[in-house]
Amino acid sequence: MIDLKALREDPEAVRASQRARGEDDTVVDALLSAFERRRSAVARADALRGEQKAFGKQVGRARGEEREALLAKGKELAAEVKAAEAEQAAAEAELAELHRAVPNVVHPDAPVGGEDDYVVVKHVGRPREFDFEPLDHLDLGLRLGALDMERGAKVSGSRFYFLTGVGAQLELALLNMAVAQATAAGFQLMITPTLVRPEIMAGTGFLGAHASEIYRLEADDLYLVGTSEVPLAGYHADEILDGERRYAGWSSCYRREAGSYGKDTRGIIRVHQFNKVEMFSYVRPEDAEAEHARLLAWEEEMLAKVEVPYRVIDTATGDLGTSAARKFDCEAWVPSQRAYRELTSTSNCTTFQARRLNVRYRDEQGKPQTMATLNGTLATTRWIVAILENHQQADGSVVVPQALRPFLGGREVLEPR
């Protein structure tokens, strides 16, 4: 949730953020009105409770007919208190509903616009010029015995797959390399739950505009996560931390890919299930921007290890999602598509998620304050696409990037079967 104090001090900043996101800015005035109604309702209920308490002492001192009259008046006062408390509860519920509906305030430097209005921050590496017609990752995967889409569809439906043989080994090698880098940088490795309660999913902001992307188990009232960001955000819910935390979460991830009918149906670029190592940081709000830069640098370090050309983009405000104030994506070159495709994403969620999940720290005066949360992808199944296509040879073999070889048993080349 956004900071209500900041909203009251500068409502126009929140209105501008809503407009930048392509959202309705009138919700800001509705939220301010709801806040005033709640404040008024709380004041009235408190005053009546105080009056009731004082009146109770007066009744205790009274005798006879005076006492009977006071008791009758006390019943009327009790009814007023009950009505005021009901009004307070309704005002608090209205405020909470509106408060949760407002997305995070965007960073002032984030480019304004929709999905295609990103700004390219930099390019790293140059796309390879092939002296043969390059294959796409599916054809390469089939020749290597690394991928089986047909049986994935038979078993689970479209957009499911089996990683087989060297494909499974390649994914494990990639994720283990990510883990090695993360733990060397001081991240605590976590293998996280992939089912979470509604309050945790809502706390991360994923049950708003992106709710259609999430699988829900209605009989158990649980959600399948699309990223370990979700359980890691909930890990310290309702806690006060004694300092910053960094976690690297390894999990299977599930996405419905609602609304993507007909897009990327070939291969494993857009699938319903994949594995991922995700970085997640809890820091003080004043340290969030510096931490965001560090997460991006760690992502780029991983990309350098797999030796693929990529670019970094500053995501536009209309494509940030509910929780992020700013987001950078790293997109690798995919030769078969002659396009850059997202491999990593890192978001600064400021205090938005931590406020919803009540994660705090103590400042220098010992007063609890809201933490900031950030996340960043370190490796996913999709990376296999970029590795296979960029490192393929004319005979269908694939050269293993130097840094990845120790995690693949020293193998230097993946040979067709």
Protein backbone atom coordinates (compact mmCIF):
# COMPACT_ATOMS: atom_id res chain seq x y z
CA MET A 1 0.00 0.00 0.00
CA ILE A 2 1.07 3.56 -0.53
CA ASP A 3 1.97 5.77 2.44
CA LEU A 4 -1.18 7.64 3.52
CA LYS A 5 0.92 10.33 5.20
CA ALA A 6 2.71 11.00 1.91
CA LEU A 7 -0.66 10.98 0.12
CA ARG A 8 -2.05 13.67 2.43
CA GLU A 9 1.10 15.78 2.11
CA ASP A 10 1.28 15.57 -1.71
CA PRO A 11 -1.87 14.12 -3.29
CA GLU A 12 -0.93 15.52 -6.71
CA ALA A 13 2.14 13.23 -6.82
CA VAL A 14 -0.17 10.22 -6.46
CA ARG A 15 -2.57 11.61 -9.06
CA ALA A 16 0.34 12.07 -11.47
CA SER A 17 1.47 8.50 -10.77
CA GLN A 18 -2.01 7.19 -11.55
CA ARG A 19 -2.08 9.09 -14.83
CA ALA A 20 1.39 7.83 -15.74
CA ARG A 21 0.19 4.28 -15.18
CA GLY A 22 -2.89 4.87 -17.31
CA GLU A 23 -5.07 4.48 -14.21
CA ASP A 24 -7.98 6.54 -12.87
CA ASP A 25 -6.67 9.44 -10.77
CA THR A 26 -10.05 10.15 -9.14
CA VAL A 27 -9.35 7.26 -6.76
CA VAL A 28 -6.96 9.63 -4.97
CA ASP A 29 -9.79 11.97 -3.95
CA ALA A 30 -11.95 8.99 -2.99
CA LEU A 31 -9.12 7.70 -0.81
CA LEU A 32 -8.61 11.10 0.85
CA SER A 33 -12.36 11.33 1.55
CA ALA A 34 -12.40 7.83 3.00
CA PHE A 35 -9.48 8.75 5.24
CA GLU A 36 -11.33 11.80 6.57
CA ARG A 37 -14.51 9.76 7.15
CA ARG A 38 -12.52 7.20 9.09
CA ARG A 39 -10.79 9.88 11.16
CA SER A 40 -14.14 11.49 11.95
CA ALA A 41 -15.71 8.12 12.82
CA VAL A 42 -12.82 7.19 15.10
CA ALA A 43 -13.01 10.55 16.88
CA ARG A 44 -16.77 10.22 17.41
CA ALA A 45 -16.49 6.64 18.70
CA ASP A 46 -13.62 7.57 21.03
CA ALA A 47 -15.56 10.53 22.41
CA LEU A 48 -18.65 8.43 23.05
CA ARG A 49 -16.61 5.69 24.72
CA GLY A 50 -15.03 8.32 26.95
CA GLU A 51 -18.45 9.71 27.79
CA GLN A 52 -19.73 6.20 28.52
CA LYS A 53 -16.83 5.51 30.88
CA ALA A 54 -17.39 8.76 32.80
CA PHE A 55 -21.13 8.13 32.90
CA GLY A 56 -20.51 4.68 34.37
CA LYS A 57 -18.75 6.25 37.35
CA GLN A 58 -21.69 8.64 37.82
CA VAL A 59 -24.12 5.71 37.85
CA GLY A 60 -22.00 3.95 40.46
CA ARG A 61 -22.42 6.88 42.87
CA ALA A 62 -26.17 7.32 42.33
CA ARG A 63 -28.95 5.84 44.46
CA GLY A 64 -32.67 5.18 44.17
CA GLU A 65 -34.72 6.89 41.49
CA GLU A 66 -31.73 8.87 40.27
CA ARG A 67 -29.88 5.62 39.60
CA GLU A 68 -32.83 4.19 37.65
CA ALA A 69 -32.96 7.29 35.45
CA LEU A 70 -29.24 7.20 34.86
CA LEU A 71 -29.39 3.49 33.94
CA ALA A 72 -32.03 4.25 31.32
CA LYS A 73 -29.88 7.02 29.89
CA GLY A 74 -26.91 4.65 30.01
CA LYS A 75 -28.73 2.24 27.72
CA GLU A 76 -29.26 5.02 25.20
CA LEU A 77 -25.60 5.95 25.41
CA ALA A 78 -24.56 2.32 24.94
CA ALA A 79 -26.67 2.17 21.79
CA GLU A 80 -24.98 5.34 20.51
CA VAL A 81 -21.55 3.81 21.21
CA LYS A 82 -22.52 0.63 19.38
CA ALA A 83 -23.72 2.62 16.36
CA ALA A 84 -20.56 4.76 16.36
CA GLU A 85 -18.35 1.65 16.50
CA ALA A 86 -20.27 0.15 13.58
CA GLU A 87 -19.78 3.39 11.66
CA GLN A 88 -16.06 3.29 12.50
CA ALA A 89 -15.76 -0.32 11.31
CA ALA A 90 -17.51 0.52 8.04
CA ALA A 91 -15.27 3.55 7.50
CA GLU A 92 -12.15 1.49 8.20
CA ALA A 93 -13.29 -1.23 5.77
CA GLU A 94 -13.98 1.36 3.05
CA LEU A 95 -10.57 2.97 3.59
CA ALA A 96 -8.78 -0.40 3.52
CA GLU A 97 -10.49 -1.41 0.28
CA LEU A 98 -9.62 1.86 -1.47
CA HIS A 99 -6.11 1.87 -0.03
CA ARG A 100 -5.37 -1.59 -1.44
CA ALA A 101 -6.74 -0.59 -4.84
CA VAL A 102 -4.10 2.11 -5.41
CA PRO A 103 -0.85 0.83 -7.00
CA ASN A 104 2.59 1.95 -5.91
CA VAL A 105 3.68 5.49 -6.74
CA VAL A 106 5.99 5.35 -9.76
CA HIS A 107 9.56 6.56 -9.61
CA PRO A 108 9.89 10.06 -11.07
CA ASP A 109 12.58 8.86 -13.50
CA ALA A 110 10.57 5.93 -14.88
CA PRO A 111 9.60 6.52 -18.55
CA VAL A 112 5.92 7.32 -18.99
CA GLY A 113 3.86 5.18 -21.33
CA GLY A 114 2.75 1.66 -22.14
CA GLU A 115 4.44 -1.64 -22.89
CA ASP A 116 6.32 -0.33 -25.93
CA ASP A 117 7.46 2.95 -24.36
CA TYR A 118 10.45 1.53 -22.48
CA VAL A 119 13.83 3.25 -22.68
CA VAL A 120 16.90 1.25 -23.68
CA VAL A 121 19.57 1.93 -21.05
CA LYS A 122 22.40 0.07 -22.79
CA HIS A 123 23.39 -2.78 -25.09
CA VAL A 124 26.00 -5.35 -24.06
CA GLY A 125 27.55 -7.58 -26.72
CA ARG A 126 26.67 -7.77 -30.39
CA PRO A 127 24.30 -10.29 -31.99
CA ARG A 128 26.26 -13.07 -33.67
CA GLU A 129 26.39 -13.27 -37.45
CA PHE A 130 25.90 -16.90 -38.44
CA ASP A 131 27.44 -18.41 -41.59
CA PHE A 132 24.61 -20.97 -41.59
CA GLU A 133 20.87 -20.82 -41.04
CA PRO A 134 20.45 -20.93 -37.23
CA LEU A 135 17.89 -23.26 -35.67
CA ASP A 136 15.46 -22.20 -33.01
CA HIS A 137 15.73 -23.59 -29.49
CA LEU A 138 13.01 -26.19 -30.04
CA ASP A 139 14.71 -27.77 -33.04
CA LEU A 140 18.03 -27.66 -31.20
CA GLY A 141 16.46 -29.14 -28.07
CA LEU A 142 14.91 -31.99 -30.03
CA ARG A 143 18.22 -32.81 -31.74
CA LEU A 144 20.05 -32.73 -28.41
CA GLY A 145 17.42 -34.87 -26.70
CA ALA A 146 16.91 -31.98 -24.27
CA LEU A 147 13.26 -31.13 -24.73
CA ASP A 148 9.96 -32.93 -25.30
CA MET A 149 6.99 -30.62 -25.92
CA GLU A 150 4.77 -33.28 -27.48
CA ARG A 151 4.68 -35.49 -24.40
CA GLY A 152 4.43 -32.44 -22.17
CA ALA A 153 1.19 -31.55 -23.95
CA LYS A 154 0.00 -35.16 -23.77
CA VAL A 155 0.51 -35.28 -20.01
CA SER A 156 -0.46 -31.75 -18.96
CA GLY A 157 -1.79 -29.80 -21.93
CA SER A 158 -0.45 -26.97 -24.06
CA ARG A 159 2.51 -24.91 -22.84
CA PHE A 160 3.84 -27.77 -20.73
CA TYR A 161 7.02 -29.71 -21.51
CA PHE A 162 9.58 -32.20 -20.32
CA LEU A 163 13.22 -31.23 -19.99
CA THR A 164 14.98 -34.49 -20.80
CA GLY A 165 18.55 -35.74 -20.47
CA VAL A 166 20.98 -32.93 -21.10
CA GLY A 167 18.12 -30.41 -21.00
CA ALA A 168 17.40 -31.24 -17.38
CA GLN A 169 21.12 -31.19 -16.63
CA LEU A 170 21.47 -27.81 -18.32
CA GLU A 171 18.71 -26.27 -16.25
CA LEU A 172 20.16 -27.63 -13.00
CA ALA A 173 23.62 -26.39 -13.99
CA LEU A 174 22.26 -22.92 -14.76
CA LEU A 175 20.27 -22.64 -11.53
CA ASN A 176 23.17 -23.99 -9.47
CA MET A 177 25.46 -21.39 -11.03
CA ALA A 178 22.94 -18.74 -10.00
CA VAL A 179 22.86 -20.13 -6.47
CA ALA A 180 26.66 -20.14 -6.28
CA GLN A 181 26.78 -16.49 -7.33
CA ALA A 182 24.01 -15.47 -4.94
CA THR A 183 25.46 -17.21 -1.90
CA ALA A 184 28.92 -15.79 -2.67
CA ALA A 185 27.30 -12.34 -2.64
CA GLY A 186 25.80 -12.98 0.80
CA PHE A 187 22.28 -14.10 -0.11
CA GLN A 188 20.73 -16.81 2.05
CA LEU A 189 19.50 -19.68 -0.12
CA MET A 190 15.84 -20.61 0.34
CA ILE A 191 13.77 -23.35 -1.29
CA THR A 192 10.35 -21.82 -0.90
CA PRO A 193 6.74 -23.06 -0.78
CA THR A 194 4.93 -22.79 -4.08
CA LEU A 195 1.48 -22.61 -2.46
CA VAL A 196 0.60 -19.53 -0.40
CA ARG A 197 -2.37 -18.16 1.49
CA PRO A 198 -4.55 -15.42 -0.02
CA GLU A 199 -3.30 -12.75 2.40
CA ILE A 200 0.30 -13.39 1.31
CA MET A 201 -0.54 -13.29 -2.40
CA ALA A 202 -2.58 -10.13 -1.86
CA GLY A 203 0.19 -8.65 0.24
CA THR A 204 2.60 -8.73 -2.68
CA GLY A 205 0.11 -6.96 -4.95
CA PHE A 206 -0.47 -9.83 -7.38
CA LEU A 207 -4.24 -10.13 -6.81
CA GLY A 208 -4.99 -6.84 -8.53
CA ALA A 209 -4.52 -6.33 -12.25
CA HIS A 210 -2.59 -9.61 -12.59
CA ALA A 211 -5.01 -11.89 -10.73
CA SER A 212 -5.96 -13.64 -13.99
CA GLU A 213 -2.36 -14.88 -14.30
CA ILE A 214 -2.50 -16.85 -11.06
CA TYR A 215 -3.60 -20.43 -10.49
CA ARG A 216 -5.92 -20.83 -7.50
CA LEU A 217 -6.81 -24.02 -5.63
CA GLU A 218 -10.32 -23.09 -4.54
CA ALA A 219 -10.91 -26.17 -2.35
CA ASP A 220 -7.90 -25.27 -0.22
CA ASP A 221 -8.02 -21.47 -0.66
CA LEU A 222 -4.39 -21.41 -1.72
CA TYR A 223 -2.56 -19.88 -4.68
CA LEU A 224 0.27 -21.27 -6.79
CA VAL A 225 3.08 -18.72 -6.96
CA GLY A 226 4.43 -17.27 -10.20
CA THR A 227 7.69 -16.34 -8.48
CA SER A 228 9.39 -17.02 -5.14
CA GLU A 229 9.12 -13.26 -4.57
CA VAL A 230 5.69 -14.05 -3.10
CA PRO A 231 6.68 -16.46 -0.29
CA LEU A 232 9.85 -14.47 0.38
CA ALA A 233 7.81 -11.28 0.77
CA GLY A 234 5.57 -13.10 3.24
CA TYR A 235 8.46 -14.74 5.11
CA HIS A 236 8.77 -11.84 7.55
CA ALA A 237 5.10 -10.74 7.59
CA ASP A 238 4.13 -9.12 10.91
CA GLU A 239 7.76 -9.02 12.06
CA ILE A 240 10.21 -6.30 13.08
CA LEU A 241 13.65 -7.00 11.61
CA ASP A 242 16.93 -5.96 13.16
CA GLY A 243 18.51 -5.13 9.79
CA GLU A 244 18.49 -5.76 6.06
CA ARG A 245 17.95 -9.26 4.63
CA ARG A 246 18.86 -10.82 1.31
CA TYR A 247 17.40 -14.13 0.16
CA ALA A 248 17.81 -16.21 -2.99
CA GLY A 249 14.68 -18.27 -3.54
CA TRP A 250 14.65 -21.41 -5.70
CA SER A 251 11.17 -22.51 -6.70
CA SER A 252 8.96 -23.88 -9.39
CA CYS A 253 6.71 -21.14 -10.74
CA TYR A 254 3.26 -21.30 -12.31
CA ARG A 255 1.53 -18.81 -14.59
CA ARG A 256 -1.77 -19.17 -16.41
CA GLU A 257 -0.59 -16.92 -19.27
CA ALA A 258 -4.12 -15.60 -19.53
CA GLY A 259 -4.61 -13.37 -22.55
CA SER A 260 -1.54 -14.72 -24.37
CA TYR A 261 -3.41 -17.05 -26.71
CA GLY A 262 -1.39 -17.54 -29.88
CA LYS A 263 1.78 -15.88 -28.49
CA ASP A 264 5.04 -17.81 -28.23
CA THR A 265 3.34 -21.18 -28.57
CA ARG A 266 6.50 -22.78 -29.94
CA GLY A 267 9.03 -24.03 -27.41
CA ILE A 268 9.58 -22.86 -23.84
CA ILE A 269 9.54 -19.07 -24.09
CA ARG A 270 6.03 -18.70 -22.63
CA VAL A 271 4.96 -21.70 -20.55
CA HIS A 272 2.76 -22.48 -17.55
CA GLN A 273 5.49 -23.94 -15.33
CA PHE A 274 9.20 -23.19 -15.00
CA ASN A 275 11.98 -23.00 -12.43
CA LYS A 276 13.66 -19.86 -11.20
CA VAL A 277 16.21 -18.48 -8.76
CA GLU A 278 15.01 -15.11 -7.49
CA MET A 279 16.84 -12.53 -5.41
CA PHE A 280 14.80 -10.76 -2.75
CA SER A 281 15.96 -7.92 -0.51
CA TYR A 282 14.60 -6.18 2.58
CA VAL A 283 16.32 -2.82 3.09
CA ARG A 284 15.65 0.57 4.63
CA PRO A 285 13.71 2.84 2.25
CA GLU A 286 16.63 5.25 1.87
CA ASP A 287 18.81 2.36 0.66
CA ALA A 288 16.33 0.98 -1.90
CA GLU A 289 17.65 2.73 -5.02
CA ALA A 290 21.23 1.65 -4.31
CA GLU A 291 20.02 -1.90 -3.72
CA HIS A 292 18.12 -1.80 -7.00
CA ALA A 293 21.35 -0.95 -8.82
CA ARG A 294 23.11 -3.83 -7.06
CA LEU A 295 20.42 -6.33 -8.06
CA LEU A 296 20.70 -5.22 -11.68
CA ALA A 297 24.49 -5.59 -11.53
CA TRP A 298 24.16 -9.14 -10.19
CA GLU A 299 21.76 -9.99 -13.02
CA GLU A 300 24.23 -8.65 -15.55
CA GLU A 301 27.00 -10.66 -13.92
CA MET A 302 24.99 -13.82 -14.56
CA LEU A 303 24.29 -12.82 -18.16
CA ALA A 304 27.99 -12.27 -18.75
CA LYS A 305 28.63 -15.83 -17.55
CA VAL A 306 26.35 -17.33 -20.20
CA GLU A 307 27.90 -15.10 -22.90
CA VAL A 308 24.78 -13.87 -24.66
CA PRO A 309 24.18 -10.39 -26.13
CA TYR A 310 21.60 -8.45 -24.17
CA ARG A 311 20.15 -5.04 -23.53
CA VAL A 312 18.84 -3.36 -20.37
CA ILE A 313 15.54 -1.49 -20.55
CA ASP A 314 13.89 0.91 -18.14
CA THR A 315 10.28 -0.30 -18.12
CA ALA A 316 7.56 2.26 -18.78
CA THR A 317 5.08 3.23 -16.08
CA GLY A 318 2.11 1.49 -17.69
CA ASP A 319 3.95 -1.84 -17.67
CA LEU A 320 5.29 -1.84 -14.12
CA GLY A 321 2.68 -3.96 -12.38
CA THR A 322 0.94 -2.99 -9.15
CA SER A 323 3.85 -3.17 -6.71
CA ALA A 324 6.86 -1.78 -8.57
CA ALA A 325 7.86 1.87 -8.51
CA ARG A 326 10.57 1.17 -11.07
CA LYS A 327 11.70 -1.89 -13.01
CA PHE A 328 14.65 -2.78 -15.21
CA ASP A 329 14.55 -5.76 -17.57
CA CYS A 330 17.51 -7.52 -19.15
CA GLU A 331 16.57 -8.90 -22.57
CA ALA A 332 18.77 -11.40 -24.39
CA TRP A 333 19.11 -11.61 -28.15
CA VAL A 334 17.22 -14.60 -29.60
CA PRO A 335 18.64 -15.30 -33.09
CA SER A 336 15.67 -17.27 -34.43
CA GLN A 337 13.35 -14.35 -33.67
CA ARG A 338 15.89 -11.64 -34.43
CA ALA A 339 14.61 -9.88 -31.33
CA TYR A 340 15.47 -9.27 -27.70
CA ARG A 341 13.41 -11.25 -25.18
CA GLU A 342 13.23 -10.78 -21.43
CA LEU A 343 15.42 -13.02 -19.28
CA THR A 344 15.57 -11.05 -16.05
CA SER A 345 13.60 -8.37 -14.30
CA THR A 346 14.41 -6.39 -11.16
CA SER A 347 11.86 -4.22 -9.36
CA ASN A 348 12.05 -1.66 -6.59
CA CYS A 349 8.77 -2.03 -4.70
CA THR A 350 9.73 0.62 -2.10
CA THR A 351 7.55 0.21 1.03
CA PHE A 352 4.46 -0.93 -0.90
CA GLN A 353 4.61 -4.67 -0.18
CA ALA A 354 6.09 -4.37 3.31
CA ARG A 355 3.30 -2.00 4.37
CA ARG A 356 0.68 -4.51 3.23
CA LEU A 357 2.51 -7.37 4.97
CA ASN A 358 3.52 -5.34 8.04
CA VAL A 359 7.29 -5.88 7.78
CA ARG A 360 9.20 -3.29 9.78
CA TYR A 361 12.55 -2.34 11.32
CA ARG A 362 13.47 -0.04 14.20
CA ASP A 363 15.05 3.31 13.44
CA GLU A 364 17.76 5.00 15.52
CA GLN A 365 15.15 6.13 18.04
CA GLY A 366 13.78 2.59 18.36
CA LYS A 367 10.57 3.47 16.53
CA PRO A 368 9.17 0.85 14.10
CA GLN A 369 9.33 1.92 10.44
CA THR A 370 8.28 0.16 7.22
CA MET A 371 10.92 -1.76 5.27
CA ALA A 372 11.43 -1.53 1.50
CA THR A 373 11.42 -4.69 -0.64
CA LEU A 374 13.11 -5.41 -3.97
CA ASN A 375 13.36 -8.44 -6.21
CA GLY A 376 15.40 -9.59 -9.18
CA THR A 377 15.62 -12.69 -11.39
CA LEU A 378 18.95 -14.49 -11.40
CA ALA A 379 18.12 -17.42 -13.70
CA THR A 380 15.05 -19.17 -15.13
CA THR A 381 14.21 -22.03 -17.48
CA ARG A 382 13.81 -19.47 -20.31
CA TRP A 383 17.57 -18.83 -20.25
CA ILE A 384 17.97 -22.20 -22.00
CA VAL A 385 16.44 -20.58 -25.10
CA ALA A 386 19.15 -17.92 -25.29
CA ILE A 387 21.98 -20.33 -24.43
CA LEU A 388 21.05 -22.91 -27.07
CA GLU A 389 20.37 -20.44 -29.86
CA ASN A 390 23.36 -18.15 -29.32
CA HIS A 391 25.90 -20.94 -28.87
CA GLN A 392 24.74 -23.35 -31.58
CA GLN A 393 27.06 -24.70 -34.25
CA ALA A 394 26.39 -25.66 -37.86
CA ASP A 395 26.18 -29.38 -37.00
CA GLY A 396 23.44 -28.81 -34.38
CA SER A 397 25.81 -29.01 -31.43
CA VAL A 398 25.91 -26.30 -28.74
CA VAL A 399 29.06 -24.93 -27.11
CA VAL A 400 28.68 -24.66 -23.33
CA PRO A 401 29.65 -21.21 -21.98
CA GLN A 402 32.94 -21.36 -20.09
CA ALA A 403 31.52 -20.35 -16.69
CA LEU A 404 28.74 -22.93 -16.93
CA ARG A 405 31.00 -25.92 -17.63
CA PRO A 406 31.97 -26.72 -14.03
CA PHE A 407 28.26 -27.00 -13.19
CA LEU A 408 27.72 -29.38 -16.12
CA GLY A 409 30.38 -31.89 -15.18
CA GLY A 410 33.04 -30.13 -17.24
CA ARG A 411 31.16 -30.70 -20.49
CA GLU A 412 32.28 -28.31 -23.23
CA VAL A 413 29.91 -29.19 -26.06
CA LEU A 414 26.38 -30.60 -26.17
CA GLU A 415 26.23 -33.04 -29.08
CA PRO A 416 23.13 -34.00 -31.10
CA ARG A 417 21.91 -37.50 -30.38
